[in-house]
Amino acid sequence: MKKLSVSLSGHQTSISLEPEFIAELMHIARNQNKSVASIISHIDQTRTPDTNLSSAIRVWILKNIKK
């Protein structure tokens, strides 16, 4: 696991993800001309309240790979 630090809603947050998921998230961000923080912020705002952020990010990445 690696920690990824981003600012969400004005405060620093650390997210633990496997290196492969971090690499894919960065790849998607580059391809969409978006920042990793903006993508994570979107995922955070749209996830269900009972889903933790790391899990929501993993699912979002998998859905994007399948598109």
N, C-alpha and C. Protein backbone atom coordinates (compact mmCIF):
# COMPACT_ATOMS: atom_id res chain seq x y z
N MET A 1 0.84 -1.18 0.00
CA MET A 1 0.00 0.00 0.00
C MET A 1 0.89 1.24 0.00
N LYS A 2 0.42 2.23 -0.71
CA LYS A 2 1.08 3.53 -0.72
C LYS A 2 0.06 4.57 -0.30
N LYS A 3 0.56 5.63 0.29
CA LYS A 3 -0.32 6.73 0.68
C LYS A 3 -0.26 7.81 -0.39
N LEU A 4 -1.42 8.33 -0.72
CA LEU A 4 -1.55 9.42 -1.67
C LEU A 4 -2.19 10.57 -0.91
N SER A 5 -1.51 11.72 -0.86
CA SER A 5 -2.04 12.88 -0.14
C SER A 5 -2.66 13.85 -1.13
N VAL A 6 -3.89 14.26 -0.83
CA VAL A 6 -4.60 15.23 -1.66
C VAL A 6 -5.37 16.18 -0.75
N SER A 7 -5.75 17.31 -1.30
CA SER A 7 -6.57 18.26 -0.57
C SER A 7 -8.01 18.11 -1.02
N LEU A 8 -8.90 17.80 -0.08
CA LEU A 8 -10.33 17.66 -0.36
C LEU A 8 -11.09 18.65 0.50
N SER A 9 -11.86 19.46 -0.11
CA SER A 9 -12.67 20.46 0.60
C SER A 9 -11.82 21.30 1.54
N GLY A 10 -10.62 21.63 1.09
CA GLY A 10 -9.76 22.52 1.86
C GLY A 10 -8.94 21.87 2.95
N HIS A 11 -8.98 20.55 3.08
CA HIS A 11 -8.13 19.91 4.08
C HIS A 11 -7.39 18.72 3.47
N GLN A 12 -6.18 18.48 3.99
CA GLN A 12 -5.34 17.39 3.49
C GLN A 12 -5.92 16.05 3.92
N THR A 13 -5.92 15.10 3.00
CA THR A 13 -6.41 13.76 3.25
C THR A 13 -5.40 12.77 2.68
N SER A 14 -5.12 11.72 3.40
CA SER A 14 -4.25 10.65 2.91
C SER A 14 -5.11 9.45 2.56
N ILE A 15 -4.86 8.90 1.40
CA ILE A 15 -5.62 7.75 0.92
C ILE A 15 -4.62 6.62 0.69
N SER A 16 -4.92 5.45 1.20
CA SER A 16 -4.05 4.29 1.01
C SER A 16 -4.58 3.45 -0.14
N LEU A 17 -3.72 3.29 -1.15
CA LEU A 17 -4.06 2.47 -2.32
C LEU A 17 -2.85 1.66 -2.74
N GLU A 18 -3.10 0.56 -3.41
CA GLU A 18 -2.02 -0.21 -3.98
C GLU A 18 -1.34 0.62 -5.07
N PRO A 19 -0.03 0.45 -5.25
CA PRO A 19 0.70 1.24 -6.26
C PRO A 19 0.10 1.14 -7.66
N GLU A 20 -0.45 -0.03 -7.99
CA GLU A 20 -1.05 -0.21 -9.32
C GLU A 20 -2.26 0.69 -9.51
N PHE A 21 -3.06 0.85 -8.47
CA PHE A 21 -4.23 1.73 -8.56
C PHE A 21 -3.81 3.19 -8.64
N ILE A 22 -2.77 3.56 -7.91
CA ILE A 22 -2.28 4.94 -7.98
C ILE A 22 -1.76 5.22 -9.39
N ALA A 23 -1.00 4.30 -9.94
CA ALA A 23 -0.47 4.47 -11.30
C ALA A 23 -1.60 4.61 -12.31
N GLU A 24 -2.63 3.78 -12.19
CA GLU A 24 -3.76 3.86 -13.14
C GLU A 24 -4.55 5.15 -12.96
N LEU A 25 -4.72 5.58 -11.72
CA LEU A 25 -5.41 6.85 -11.46
C LEU A 25 -4.65 8.01 -12.11
N MET A 26 -3.34 8.02 -11.98
CA MET A 26 -2.53 9.07 -12.60
C MET A 26 -2.60 9.00 -14.12
N HIS A 27 -2.64 7.80 -14.66
CA HIS A 27 -2.76 7.61 -16.11
C HIS A 27 -4.10 8.16 -16.61
N ILE A 28 -5.17 7.83 -15.92
CA ILE A 28 -6.50 8.33 -16.30
C ILE A 28 -6.53 9.86 -16.22
N ALA A 29 -5.97 10.41 -15.15
CA ALA A 29 -5.95 11.87 -14.97
C ALA A 29 -5.21 12.54 -16.14
N ARG A 30 -4.07 11.99 -16.53
CA ARG A 30 -3.33 12.56 -17.67
C ARG A 30 -4.16 12.49 -18.95
N ASN A 31 -4.79 11.34 -19.19
CA ASN A 31 -5.59 11.16 -20.41
C ASN A 31 -6.80 12.08 -20.46
N GLN A 32 -7.36 12.41 -19.29
CA GLN A 32 -8.53 13.28 -19.23
C GLN A 32 -8.17 14.74 -19.00
N ASN A 33 -6.86 15.04 -18.96
CA ASN A 33 -6.39 16.40 -18.69
C ASN A 33 -6.99 16.98 -17.41
N LYS A 34 -7.02 16.14 -16.38
CA LYS A 34 -7.54 16.55 -15.08
C LYS A 34 -6.49 16.26 -14.02
N SER A 35 -6.61 16.92 -12.89
CA SER A 35 -5.72 16.60 -11.79
C SER A 35 -6.24 15.39 -11.03
N VAL A 36 -5.34 14.68 -10.40
CA VAL A 36 -5.73 13.55 -9.57
C VAL A 36 -6.66 14.03 -8.46
N ALA A 37 -6.35 15.18 -7.89
CA ALA A 37 -7.18 15.73 -6.81
C ALA A 37 -8.60 16.01 -7.28
N SER A 38 -8.76 16.52 -8.49
CA SER A 38 -10.11 16.82 -8.98
C SER A 38 -10.91 15.53 -9.21
N ILE A 39 -10.24 14.50 -9.68
CA ILE A 39 -10.92 13.21 -9.87
C ILE A 39 -11.32 12.63 -8.51
N ILE A 40 -10.40 12.66 -7.55
CA ILE A 40 -10.72 12.13 -6.22
C ILE A 40 -11.83 12.94 -5.58
N SER A 41 -11.82 14.23 -5.77
CA SER A 41 -12.89 15.08 -5.22
C SER A 41 -14.24 14.69 -5.81
N HIS A 42 -14.28 14.45 -7.10
CA HIS A 42 -15.52 14.02 -7.76
C HIS A 42 -16.00 12.68 -7.19
N ILE A 43 -15.06 11.73 -7.04
CA ILE A 43 -15.41 10.42 -6.49
C ILE A 43 -15.94 10.59 -5.07
N ASP A 44 -15.28 11.43 -4.29
CA ASP A 44 -15.69 11.67 -2.89
C ASP A 44 -17.10 12.24 -2.82
N GLN A 45 -17.42 13.16 -3.71
CA GLN A 45 -18.73 13.81 -3.69
C GLN A 45 -19.86 12.90 -4.18
N THR A 46 -19.52 11.90 -4.99
CA THR A 46 -20.57 11.06 -5.59
C THR A 46 -20.68 9.66 -4.98
N ARG A 47 -19.78 9.32 -4.05
CA ARG A 47 -19.84 7.98 -3.45
C ARG A 47 -20.98 7.90 -2.44
N THR A 48 -21.44 6.69 -2.20
CA THR A 48 -22.48 6.50 -1.19
C THR A 48 -21.85 6.66 0.19
N PRO A 49 -22.62 7.13 1.16
CA PRO A 49 -22.08 7.40 2.49
C PRO A 49 -21.46 6.18 3.19
N ASP A 50 -21.90 4.98 2.83
CA ASP A 50 -21.37 3.79 3.50
C ASP A 50 -20.16 3.18 2.80
N THR A 51 -19.65 3.84 1.76
CA THR A 51 -18.48 3.36 1.03
C THR A 51 -17.27 4.20 1.41
N ASN A 52 -16.18 3.53 1.80
CA ASN A 52 -15.00 4.32 2.13
C ASN A 52 -14.35 4.84 0.85
N LEU A 53 -13.59 5.90 0.98
CA LEU A 53 -13.05 6.59 -0.20
C LEU A 53 -12.09 5.72 -0.99
N SER A 54 -11.23 4.98 -0.33
CA SER A 54 -10.28 4.12 -1.06
C SER A 54 -11.02 3.09 -1.91
N SER A 55 -12.05 2.49 -1.35
CA SER A 55 -12.84 1.51 -2.12
C SER A 55 -13.56 2.17 -3.28
N ALA A 56 -14.11 3.35 -3.06
CA ALA A 56 -14.81 4.07 -4.13
C ALA A 56 -13.85 4.41 -5.26
N ILE A 57 -12.61 4.76 -4.93
CA ILE A 57 -11.61 5.07 -5.96
C ILE A 57 -11.30 3.82 -6.77
N ARG A 58 -11.09 2.70 -6.10
CA ARG A 58 -10.79 1.45 -6.81
C ARG A 58 -11.91 1.09 -7.79
N VAL A 59 -13.15 1.17 -7.34
CA VAL A 59 -14.30 0.84 -8.20
C VAL A 59 -14.38 1.83 -9.37
N TRP A 60 -14.17 3.12 -9.11
CA TRP A 60 -14.20 4.12 -10.17
C TRP A 60 -13.14 3.82 -11.23
N ILE A 61 -11.94 3.46 -10.79
CA ILE A 61 -10.86 3.13 -11.73
C ILE A 61 -11.26 1.93 -12.58
N LEU A 62 -11.77 0.88 -11.96
CA LEU A 62 -12.18 -0.30 -12.72
C LEU A 62 -13.26 0.03 -13.73
N LYS A 63 -14.24 0.85 -13.35
CA LYS A 63 -15.28 1.25 -14.29
C LYS A 63 -14.70 2.02 -15.46
N ASN A 64 -13.71 2.87 -15.20
CA ASN A 64 -13.09 3.65 -16.27
C ASN A 64 -12.26 2.79 -17.20
N ILE A 65 -11.64 1.77 -16.66
CA ILE A 65 -10.87 0.85 -17.50
C ILE A 65 -11.79 0.09 -18.46
N LYS A 66 -12.99 -0.25 -17.99
CA LYS A 66 -13.94 -1.03 -18.79
C LYS A 66 -14.63 -0.22 -19.86
N LYS A 67 -14.55 1.10 -19.82
CA LYS A 67 -15.26 1.94 -20.82
C LYS A 67 -14.71 1.71 -22.21
